[in-house]
C-alpha atoms as a PDB file:
ATOM      1  CA  UNK A   1      31.048  33.092  57.200  1.00  0.00           C
ATOM      2  CA  UNK A   2      30.650  36.343  55.270  1.00  0.00           C
ATOM      3  CA  UNK A   3      32.426  39.412  56.621  1.00  0.00           C
ATOM      4  CA  UNK A   4      31.385  42.640  54.926  1.00  0.00           C
ATOM      5  CA  UNK A   5      34.097  44.843  53.489  1.00  0.00           C
ATOM      6  CA  UNK A   6      36.982  42.354  53.250  1.00  0.00           C
ATOM      7  CA  UNK A   7      38.585  40.871  50.148  1.00  0.00           C
ATOM      8  CA  UNK A   8      37.029  37.581  49.070  1.00  0.00           C
ATOM      9  CA  UNK A   9      39.403  34.633  49.365  1.00  0.00           C
ATOM     10  CA  UNK A  10      39.207  33.737  45.660  1.00  0.00           C
ATOM     11  CA  UNK A  11      40.193  37.328  44.790  1.00  0.00           C
ATOM     12  CA  UNK A  12      43.239  37.473  47.060  1.00  0.00           C
ATOM     13  CA  UNK A  13      46.600  38.426  45.543  1.00  0.00           C
ATOM     14  CA  UNK A  14      50.110  38.896  46.869  1.00  0.00           C
ATOM     15  CA  UNK A  15      49.166  42.530  47.631  1.00  0.00           C
ATOM     16  CA  UNK A  16      47.019  41.338  50.519  1.00  0.00           C
ATOM     17  CA  UNK A  17      49.142  41.094  53.666  1.00  0.00           C
ATOM     18  CA  UNK A  18      47.467  37.846  54.772  1.00  0.00           C
ATOM     19  CA  UNK A  19      48.207  36.121  51.457  1.00  0.00           C
ATOM     20  CA  UNK A  20      51.692  37.647  51.454  1.00  0.00           C
ATOM     21  CA  UNK A  21      52.459  36.064  54.836  1.00  0.00           C
ATOM     22  CA  UNK A  22      51.216  32.647  53.735  1.00  0.00           C
ATOM     23  CA  UNK A  23      53.253  32.679  50.531  1.00  0.00           C
ATOM     24  CA  UNK A  24      56.397  33.873  52.299  1.00  0.00           C
ATOM     25  CA  UNK A  25      56.274  31.022  54.808  1.00  0.00           C
ATOM     26  CA  UNK A  26      58.181  29.102  52.138  1.00  0.00           C
ATOM     27  CA  UNK A  27      61.930  29.724  52.346  1.00  0.00           C
ATOM     28  CA  UNK A  28      62.352  29.177  48.606  1.00  0.00           C
ATOM     29  CA  UNK A  29      59.929  32.065  47.952  1.00  0.00           C
ATOM     30  CA  UNK A  30      60.930  34.358  50.813  1.00  0.00           C
ATOM     31  CA  UNK A  31      64.687  34.298  50.205  1.00  0.00           C
ATOM     32  CA  UNK A  32      64.531  35.450  46.530  1.00  0.00           C
ATOM     33  CA  UNK A  33      62.172  38.280  47.480  1.00  0.00           C
ATOM     34  CA  UNK A  34      64.664  39.688  50.012  1.00  0.00           C
ATOM     35  CA  UNK A  35      67.527  39.268  47.545  1.00  0.00           C
ATOM     36  CA  UNK A  36      65.644  41.101  44.776  1.00  0.00           C
ATOM     37  CA  UNK A  37      64.527  43.953  47.010  1.00  0.00           C
ATOM     38  CA  UNK A  38      67.946  44.525  48.596  1.00  0.00           C
ATOM     39  CA  UNK A  39      70.177  43.482  45.696  1.00  0.00           C
ATOM     40  CA  UNK A  40      72.136  41.062  47.894  1.00  0.00           C
ATOM     41  CA  UNK A  41      72.759  37.336  48.160  1.00  0.00           C
ATOM     42  CA  UNK A  42      71.748  35.418  51.282  1.00  0.00           C
ATOM     43  CA  UNK A  43      73.289  32.077  52.202  1.00  0.00           C
ATOM     44  CA  UNK A  44      70.096  30.727  53.749  1.00  0.00           C
ATOM     45  CA  UNK A  45      67.253  31.660  56.065  1.00  0.00           C
ATOM     46  CA  UNK A  46      67.367  30.146  59.527  1.00  0.00           C
ATOM     47  CA  UNK A  47      64.125  31.588  60.860  1.00  0.00           C
ATOM     48  CA  UNK A  48      60.916  32.722  59.187  1.00  0.00           C
ATOM     49  CA  UNK A  49      57.888  33.754  61.229  1.00  0.00           C
ATOM     50  CA  UNK A  50      54.843  35.193  59.461  1.00  0.00           C
ATOM     51  CA  UNK A  51      53.088  37.785  61.615  1.00  0.00           C
ATOM     52  CA  UNK A  52      55.675  37.981  64.365  1.00  0.00           C
ATOM     53  CA  UNK A  53      53.998  39.375  67.469  1.00  0.00           C
ATOM     54  CA  UNK A  54      55.858  41.673  69.814  1.00  0.00           C
ATOM     55  CA  UNK A  55      53.698  41.758  72.914  1.00  0.00           C
ATOM     56  CA  UNK A  56      53.005  45.071  74.551  1.00  0.00           C
ATOM     57  CA  UNK A  57      54.528  45.706  77.924  1.00  0.00           C
ATOM     58  CA  UNK A  58      52.629  47.761  80.472  1.00  0.00           C
ATOM     59  CA  UNK A  59      51.372  50.983  78.822  1.00  0.00           C
ATOM     60  CA  UNK A  60      53.337  50.416  75.590  1.00  0.00           C
ATOM     61  CA  UNK A  61      52.111  49.662  72.085  1.00  0.00           C
ATOM     62  CA  UNK A  62      52.296  46.054  70.902  1.00  0.00           C
ATOM     63  CA  UNK A  63      52.507  45.304  67.189  1.00  0.00           C
ATOM     64  CA  UNK A  64      52.401  42.471  64.692  1.00  0.00           C
ATOM     65  CA  UNK A  65      55.021  42.337  61.965  1.00  0.00           C
ATOM     66  CA  UNK A  66      53.856  40.909  58.636  1.00  0.00           C
ATOM     67  CA  UNK A  67      57.017  38.858  58.218  1.00  0.00           C
ATOM     68  CA  UNK A  68      60.021  38.528  60.548  1.00  0.00           C
ATOM     69  CA  UNK A  69      63.051  36.734  59.114  1.00  0.00           C
ATOM     70  CA  UNK A  70      66.571  35.973  60.324  1.00  0.00           C
ATOM     71  CA  UNK A  71      69.229  34.688  57.942  1.00  0.00           C
ATOM     72  CA  UNK A  72      72.131  32.331  58.580  1.00  0.00           C
ATOM     73  CA  UNK A  73      74.396  35.247  59.528  1.00  0.00           C
ATOM     74  CA  UNK A  74      71.954  36.558  62.128  1.00  0.00           C
ATOM     75  CA  UNK A  75      70.728  39.503  60.048  1.00  0.00           C
ATOM     76  CA  UNK A  76      67.084  40.361  60.814  1.00  0.00           C
ATOM     77  CA  UNK A  77      64.484  41.428  58.261  1.00  0.00           C
ATOM     78  CA  UNK A  78      61.032  42.847  58.854  1.00  0.00           C
ATOM     79  CA  UNK A  79      58.947  42.879  55.658  1.00  0.00           C
ATOM     80  CA  UNK A  80      55.608  44.689  55.516  1.00  0.00           C
ATOM     81  CA  UNK A  81      53.051  44.657  52.711  1.00  0.00           C
ATOM     82  CA  UNK A  82      51.347  48.066  52.714  1.00  0.00           C
ATOM     83  CA  UNK A  83      48.209  48.760  50.645  1.00  0.00           C
ATOM     84  CA  UNK A  84      46.633  51.527  52.747  1.00  0.00           C
ATOM     85  CA  UNK A  85      48.148  54.909  51.899  1.00  0.00           C
ATOM     86  CA  UNK A  86      46.134  56.853  54.486  1.00  0.00           C
ATOM     87  CA  UNK A  87      48.980  56.539  56.989  1.00  0.00           C
ATOM     88  CA  UNK A  88      51.878  57.020  54.585  1.00  0.00           C
ATOM     89  CA  UNK A  89      53.160  60.161  56.312  1.00  0.00           C
ATOM     90  CA  UNK A  90      53.772  58.030  59.412  1.00  0.00           C
ATOM     91  CA  UNK A  91      55.733  55.260  57.667  1.00  0.00           C
ATOM     92  CA  UNK A  92      59.071  56.696  58.797  1.00  0.00           C
ATOM     93  CA  UNK A  93      58.075  56.666  62.457  1.00  0.00           C
ATOM     94  CA  UNK A  94      56.465  53.263  62.088  1.00  0.00           C
ATOM     95  CA  UNK A  95      59.721  51.882  60.716  1.00  0.00           C
ATOM     96  CA  UNK A  96      61.596  53.468  63.628  1.00  0.00           C
ATOM     97  CA  UNK A  97      59.281  51.782  66.118  1.00  0.00           C
ATOM     98  CA  UNK A  98      59.624  48.423  64.376  1.00  0.00           C
ATOM     99  CA  UNK A  99      63.416  48.641  64.568  1.00  0.00           C
ATOM    100  CA  UNK A 100      63.262  49.430  68.287  1.00  0.00           C
ATOM    101  CA  UNK A 101      61.104  46.378  68.947  1.00  0.00           C
ATOM    102  CA  UNK A 102      63.301  44.134  66.818  1.00  0.00           C
ATOM    103  CA  UNK A 103      66.310  45.291  68.874  1.00  0.00           C
ATOM    104  CA  UNK A 104      64.552  44.949  72.215  1.00  0.00           C
ATOM    105  CA  UNK A 105      66.054  41.969  74.033  1.00  0.00           C
ATOM    106  CA  UNK A 106      68.518  41.282  71.205  1.00  0.00           C
ATOM    107  CA  UNK A 107      71.461  41.751  73.606  1.00  0.00           C
ATOM    108  CA  UNK A 108      72.020  39.937  76.859  1.00  0.00           C
ATOM    109  CA  UNK A 109      72.980  41.941  79.934  1.00  0.00           C
ATOM    110  CA  UNK A 110      76.757  41.814  79.476  1.00  0.00           C
ATOM    111  CA  UNK A 111      76.962  41.642  75.678  1.00  0.00           C
ATOM    112  CA  UNK A 112      78.772  44.479  73.848  1.00  0.00           C
ATOM    113  CA  UNK A 113      76.904  46.707  71.402  1.00  0.00           C
ATOM    114  CA  UNK A 114      79.007  45.242  68.610  1.00  0.00           C
ATOM    115  CA  UNK A 115      76.879  42.070  68.928  1.00  0.00           C
ATOM    116  CA  UNK A 116      73.708  43.950  68.006  1.00  0.00           C
ATOM    117  CA  UNK A 117      72.494  42.339  64.812  1.00  0.00           C
ATOM    118  CA  UNK A 118      72.191  44.077  61.485  1.00  0.00           C
ATOM    119  CA  UNK A 119      68.576  44.742  60.549  1.00  0.00           C
ATOM    120  CA  UNK A 120      66.439  45.755  57.606  1.00  0.00           C
ATOM    121  CA  UNK A 121      62.901  47.098  57.632  1.00  0.00           C
ATOM    122  CA  UNK A 122      61.228  46.738  54.236  1.00  0.00           C
ATOM    123  CA  UNK A 123      57.884  48.264  53.322  1.00  0.00           C
ATOM    124  CA  UNK A 124      56.420  47.047  50.026  1.00  0.00           C
ATOM    125  CA  UNK A 125      53.901  49.782  49.170  1.00  0.00           C
ATOM    126  CA  UNK A 126      51.312  49.704  46.399  1.00  0.00           C
ATOM    127  CA  UNK A 127      51.560  53.503  46.303  1.00  0.00           C
ATOM    128  CA  UNK A 128      54.348  56.072  46.229  1.00  0.00           C
ATOM    129  CA  UNK A 129      55.282  56.714  49.891  1.00  0.00           C
ATOM    130  CA  UNK A 130      57.330  59.844  49.182  1.00  0.00           C
ATOM    131  CA  UNK A 131      55.930  61.214  45.929  1.00  0.00           C
ATOM    132  CA  UNK A 132      59.217  61.186  43.979  1.00  0.00           C
ATOM    133  CA  UNK A 133      58.261  58.489  41.487  1.00  0.00           C
ATOM    134  CA  UNK A 134      61.039  56.116  42.509  1.00  0.00           C
ATOM    135  CA  UNK A 135      60.435  52.388  42.690  1.00  0.00           C
ATOM    136  CA  UNK A 136      62.851  52.029  45.609  1.00  0.00           C
ATOM    137  CA  UNK A 137      63.809  54.377  48.442  1.00  0.00           C
ATOM    138  CA  UNK A 138      66.684  53.300  50.711  1.00  0.00           C
ATOM    139  CA  UNK A 139      67.509  55.111  53.950  1.00  0.00           C
ATOM    140  CA  UNK A 140      70.551  54.971  56.204  1.00  0.00           C
ATOM    141  CA  UNK A 141      71.671  57.453  58.860  1.00  0.00           C
ATOM    142  CA  UNK A 142      73.810  60.065  57.067  1.00  0.00           C
ATOM    143  CA  UNK A 143      75.720  63.005  58.563  1.00  0.00           C
ATOM    144  CA  UNK A 144      74.002  66.286  57.609  1.00  0.00           C
ATOM    145  CA  UNK A 145      77.306  68.148  57.462  1.00  0.00           C
ATOM    146  CA  UNK A 146      79.161  65.549  55.396  1.00  0.00           C
ATOM    147  CA  UNK A 147      77.043  63.163  53.322  1.00  0.00           C
ATOM    148  CA  UNK A 148      80.014  60.868  52.803  1.00  0.00           C
ATOM    149  CA  UNK A 149      79.693  59.873  56.481  1.00  0.00           C
ATOM    150  CA  UNK A 150      77.172  57.124  57.158  1.00  0.00           C
ATOM    151  CA  UNK A 151      76.424  56.203  60.758  1.00  0.00           C
ATOM    152  CA  UNK A 152      77.250  52.538  61.142  1.00  0.00           C
ATOM    153  CA  UNK A 153      74.235  51.608  63.258  1.00  0.00           C
ATOM    154  CA  UNK A 154      73.427  48.475  61.236  1.00  0.00           C
ATOM    155  CA  UNK A 155      69.918  49.641  60.307  1.00  0.00           C
ATOM    156  CA  UNK A 156      68.641  50.014  56.748  1.00  0.00           C
ATOM    157  CA  UNK A 157      65.088  51.005  55.865  1.00  0.00           C
ATOM    158  CA  UNK A 158      63.765  50.337  52.379  1.00  0.00           C
ATOM    159  CA  UNK A 159      60.459  51.494  50.932  1.00  0.00           C
ATOM    160  CA  UNK A 160      59.314  49.887  47.699  1.00  0.00           C
ATOM    161  CA  UNK A 161      56.824  51.615  45.407  1.00  0.00           C
ATOM    162  CA  UNK A 162      55.259  48.994  43.123  1.00  0.00           C
ATOM    163  CA  UNK A 163      53.985  51.767  40.827  1.00  0.00           C
ATOM    164  CA  UNK A 164      57.307  53.621  40.548  1.00  0.00           C
ATOM    165  CA  UNK A 165      59.803  54.043  37.699  1.00  0.00           C
ATOM    166  CA  UNK A 166      61.374  50.626  37.141  1.00  0.00           C
ATOM    167  CA  UNK A 167      64.150  51.762  34.803  1.00  0.00           C
ATOM    168  CA  UNK A 168      66.535  52.428  37.708  1.00  0.00           C
ATOM    169  CA  UNK A 169      66.141  49.046  39.422  1.00  0.00           C
ATOM    170  CA  UNK A 170      67.219  45.539  38.492  1.00  0.00           C
ATOM    171  CA  UNK A 171      65.189  43.519  36.001  1.00  0.00           C
ATOM    172  CA  UNK A 172      64.538  40.936  38.706  1.00  0.00           C
ATOM    173  CA  UNK A 173      63.062  43.529  41.080  1.00  0.00           C
ATOM    174  CA  UNK A 174      61.089  45.139  38.239  1.00  0.00           C
ATOM    175  CA  UNK A 175      59.549  41.746  37.443  1.00  0.00           C
ATOM    176  CA  UNK A 176      58.597  41.263  41.084  1.00  0.00           C
ATOM    177  CA  UNK A 177      56.973  44.709  41.308  1.00  0.00           C
ATOM    178  CA  UNK A 178      55.143  44.071  38.068  1.00  0.00           C
ATOM    179  CA  UNK A 179      53.704  40.858  39.450  1.00  0.00           C
ATOM    180  CA  UNK A 180      52.608  42.499  42.714  1.00  0.00           C
ATOM    181  CA  UNK A 181      51.024  45.377  40.799  1.00  0.00           C
ATOM    182  CA  UNK A 182      49.267  43.569  37.934  1.00  0.00           C
ATOM    183  CA  UNK A 183      49.702  39.830  38.447  1.00  0.00           C
ATOM    184  CA  UNK A 184      51.778  39.542  35.263  1.00  0.00           C
ATOM    185  CA  UNK A 185      54.137  36.552  35.250  1.00  0.00           C
ATOM    186  CA  UNK A 186      57.418  37.501  33.575  1.00  0.00           C
ATOM    187  CA  UNK A 187      60.031  35.091  34.924  1.00  0.00           C
ATOM    188  CA  UNK A 188      60.437  31.813  36.796  1.00  0.00           C
ATOM    189  CA  UNK A 189      60.212  33.402  40.241  1.00  0.00           C
ATOM    190  CA  UNK A 190      56.978  35.291  39.539  1.00  0.00           C
ATOM    191  CA  UNK A 191      55.594  32.059  38.077  1.00  0.00           C
ATOM    192  CA  UNK A 192      56.352  30.286  41.355  1.00  0.00           C
ATOM    193  CA  UNK A 193      54.681  33.083  43.305  1.00  0.00           C
ATOM    194  CA  UNK A 194      51.615  32.941  41.074  1.00  0.00           C
ATOM    195  CA  UNK A 195      51.336  29.161  41.389  1.00  0.00           C
ATOM    196  CA  UNK A 196      51.515  29.410  45.180  1.00  0.00           C
ATOM    197  CA  UNK A 197      48.851  32.130  45.325  1.00  0.00           C
ATOM    198  CA  UNK A 198      46.511  30.050  43.139  1.00  0.00           C
ATOM    199  CA  UNK A 199      47.208  26.933  45.202  1.00  0.00           C
ATOM    200  CA  UNK A 200      46.302  28.763  48.413  1.00  0.00           C
ATOM    201  CA  UNK A 201      43.152  30.274  46.900  1.00  0.00           C
ATOM    202  CA  UNK A 202      41.963  26.725  46.160  1.00  0.00           C
ATOM    203  CA  UNK A 203      42.607  25.589  49.750  1.00  0.00           C
ATOM    204  CA  UNK A 204      39.268  25.668  51.594  1.00  0.00           C
ATOM    205  CA  UNK A 205      41.013  25.105  54.922  1.00  0.00           C
ATOM    206  CA  UNK A 206      43.086  28.260  54.443  1.00  0.00           C
ATOM    207  CA  UNK A 207      39.940  30.144  53.450  1.00  0.00           C
ATOM    208  CA  UNK A 208      38.323  29.216  56.766  1.00  0.00           C
ATOM    209  CA  UNK A 209      41.491  30.280  58.610  1.00  0.00           C
ATOM    210  CA  UNK A 210      41.424  33.618  56.771  1.00  0.00           C
ATOM    211  CA  UNK A 211      37.783  34.332  57.617  1.00  0.00           C
ATOM    212  CA  UNK A 212      38.340  33.403  61.252  1.00  0.00           C
ATOM    213  CA  UNK A 213      41.433  35.588  61.418  1.00  0.00           C
ATOM    214  CA  UNK A 214      39.619  38.577  59.908  1.00  0.00           C
ATOM    215  CA  UNK A 215      36.690  38.137  62.287  1.00  0.00           C
ATOM    216  CA  UNK A 216      39.104  38.085  65.245  1.00  0.00           C
ATOM    217  CA  UNK A 217      40.918  41.173  63.993  1.00  0.00           C
ATOM    218  CA  UNK A 218      37.655  43.068  63.581  1.00  0.00           C
ATOM    219  CA  UNK A 219      36.582  42.110  67.078  1.00  0.00           C
ATOM    220  CA  UNK A 220      39.939  43.214  68.513  1.00  0.00           C
ATOM    221  CA  UNK A 221      39.684  46.558  66.738  1.00  0.00           C
ATOM    222  CA  UNK A 222      36.123  47.034  67.938  1.00  0.00           C
ATOM    223  CA  UNK A 223      37.226  46.327  71.516  1.00  0.00           C
ATOM    224  CA  UNK A 224      40.151  48.742  71.213  1.00  0.00           C
ATOM    225  CA  UNK A 225      37.820  51.414  69.822  1.00  0.00           C
ATOM    226  CA  UNK A 226      35.375  50.843  72.678  1.00  0.00           C
ATOM    227  CA  UNK A 227      38.139  51.065  75.282  1.00  0.00           C
ATOM    228  CA  UNK A 228      39.450  54.293  73.744  1.00  0.00           C
ATOM    229  CA  UNK A 229      35.976  55.812  73.807  1.00  0.00           C
ATOM    230  CA  UNK A 230      35.537  54.827  77.437  1.00  0.00           C
ATOM    231  CA  UNK A 231      38.870  56.438  78.373  1.00  0.00           C
ATOM    232  CA  UNK A 232      37.801  59.610  76.558  1.00  0.00           C
ATOM    233  CA  UNK A 233      34.438  59.562  78.350  1.00  0.00           C
ATOM    234  CA  UNK A 234      36.128  59.177  81.731  1.00  0.00           C
ATOM    235  CA  UNK A 235      38.367  62.153  81.027  1.00  0.00           C
ATOM    236  CA  UNK A 236      35.391  64.231  79.952  1.00  0.00           C
ATOM    237  CA  UNK A 237      33.429  63.226  83.087  1.00  0.00           C
ATOM    238  CA  UNK A 238      36.366  64.296  85.250  1.00  0.00           C
ATOM    239  CA  UNK A 239      36.398  67.644  83.426  1.00  0.00           C
ATOM    240  CA  UNK A 240      32.691  68.134  84.094  1.00  0.00           C
ATOM    241  CA  UNK A 241      31.272  67.672  80.595  1.00  0.00           C
ATOM    242  CA  UNK A 242      27.541  66.842  80.499  1.00  0.00           C
ATOM    243  CA  UNK A 243      26.424  63.367  79.457  1.00  0.00           C
ATOM    244  CA  UNK A 244      24.856  64.655  76.217  1.00  0.00           C
ATOM    245  CA  UNK A 245      28.203  66.046  75.029  1.00  0.00           C
ATOM    246  CA  UNK A 246      30.086  62.886  75.997  1.00  0.00           C
ATOM    247  CA  UNK A 247      27.581  60.719  74.107  1.00  0.00           C
ATOM    248  CA  UNK A 248      27.919  62.935  71.029  1.00  0.00           C
ATOM    249  CA  UNK A 249      31.713  62.668  70.833  1.00  0.00           C
ATOM    250  CA  UNK A 250      32.277  59.088  72.039  1.00  0.00           C
ATOM    251  CA  UNK A 251      29.192  57.380  70.574  1.00  0.00           C
ATOM    252  CA  UNK A 252      28.655  55.640  73.905  1.00  0.00           C
ATOM    253  CA  UNK A 253      25.115  55.063  75.170  1.00  0.00           C
ATOM    254  CA  UNK A 254      23.583  56.945  78.104  1.00  0.00           C
ATOM    255  CA  UNK A 255      23.689  53.717  80.103  1.00  0.00           C
ATOM    256  CA  UNK A 256      27.438  53.314  79.472  1.00  0.00           C
ATOM    257  CA  UNK A 257      28.184  56.926  80.437  1.00  0.00           C
ATOM    258  CA  UNK A 258      26.072  56.584  83.571  1.00  0.00           C
ATOM    259  CA  UNK A 259      27.986  53.457  84.630  1.00  0.00           C
ATOM    260  CA  UNK A 260      31.320  55.211  84.043  1.00  0.00           C
ATOM    261  CA  UNK A 261      30.162  58.163  86.130  1.00  0.00           C
ATOM    262  CA  UNK A 262      29.137  55.793  88.912  1.00  0.00           C
ATOM    263  CA  UNK A 263      32.544  54.112  88.792  1.00  0.00           C
ATOM    264  CA  UNK A 264      34.200  57.489  89.337  1.00  0.00           C
ATOM    265  CA  UNK A 265      32.080  58.137  92.390  1.00  0.00           C
ATOM    266  CA  UNK A 266      32.987  54.705  93.785  1.00  0.00           C
ATOM    267  CA  UNK A 267      36.697  55.502  93.394  1.00  0.00           C
ATOM    268  CA  UNK A 268      36.271  58.751  95.271  1.00  0.00           C
END
């Protein structure tokens, strides 16, 4: 199977979100990554799910998280590998939405808010998300009138810039960012990451899984695009736009527009 426009399996690196998820399935590789990014120590991970899916409820947006992790203390971590900078101005709102989905259903009906688990959303970006040159940006809710007051809502959002200034971060994190950026192995942990990436690239079974996954994703996106165009066409038909204009802006065929118009008449 050859899918045009996607990274070849033997060229995959940790930057690619699919490879990232596979590598981070291993607790002994996932745990040190979280510790280096956040500068904390974790007892152990009790739950690791690559590509955690939060299903959409009626008329809401469903999403897939690259990596959803819960540690022994019940702290939740969402880790995203982000190579595409075309949506960087929306990263803040994306992180907000991810937190809301992670919290959804976290409390039972009669549980107090104090039981809401602590959570981190981590974006590992191969570009500078905020243009300040930092390698790490950490956000908590701070009072505008008194910056010494931090709202204790249990949510921390961290954005990593693999190309940022590494002089202000730990050596361990700098080594990790260097490996993600260039593939350079500089310590034992990056060596383990590199060995795992190479092992997976030599696994023909995983290559088939990757190609199948990418084909499915492309088909899903094509279907979503088609559905969006049909909704636009229906709205334009209701507003009295001619078929020629609808075809121009939605890229639908005359036959498709005609069928949609007929469906409107049937409803009425």
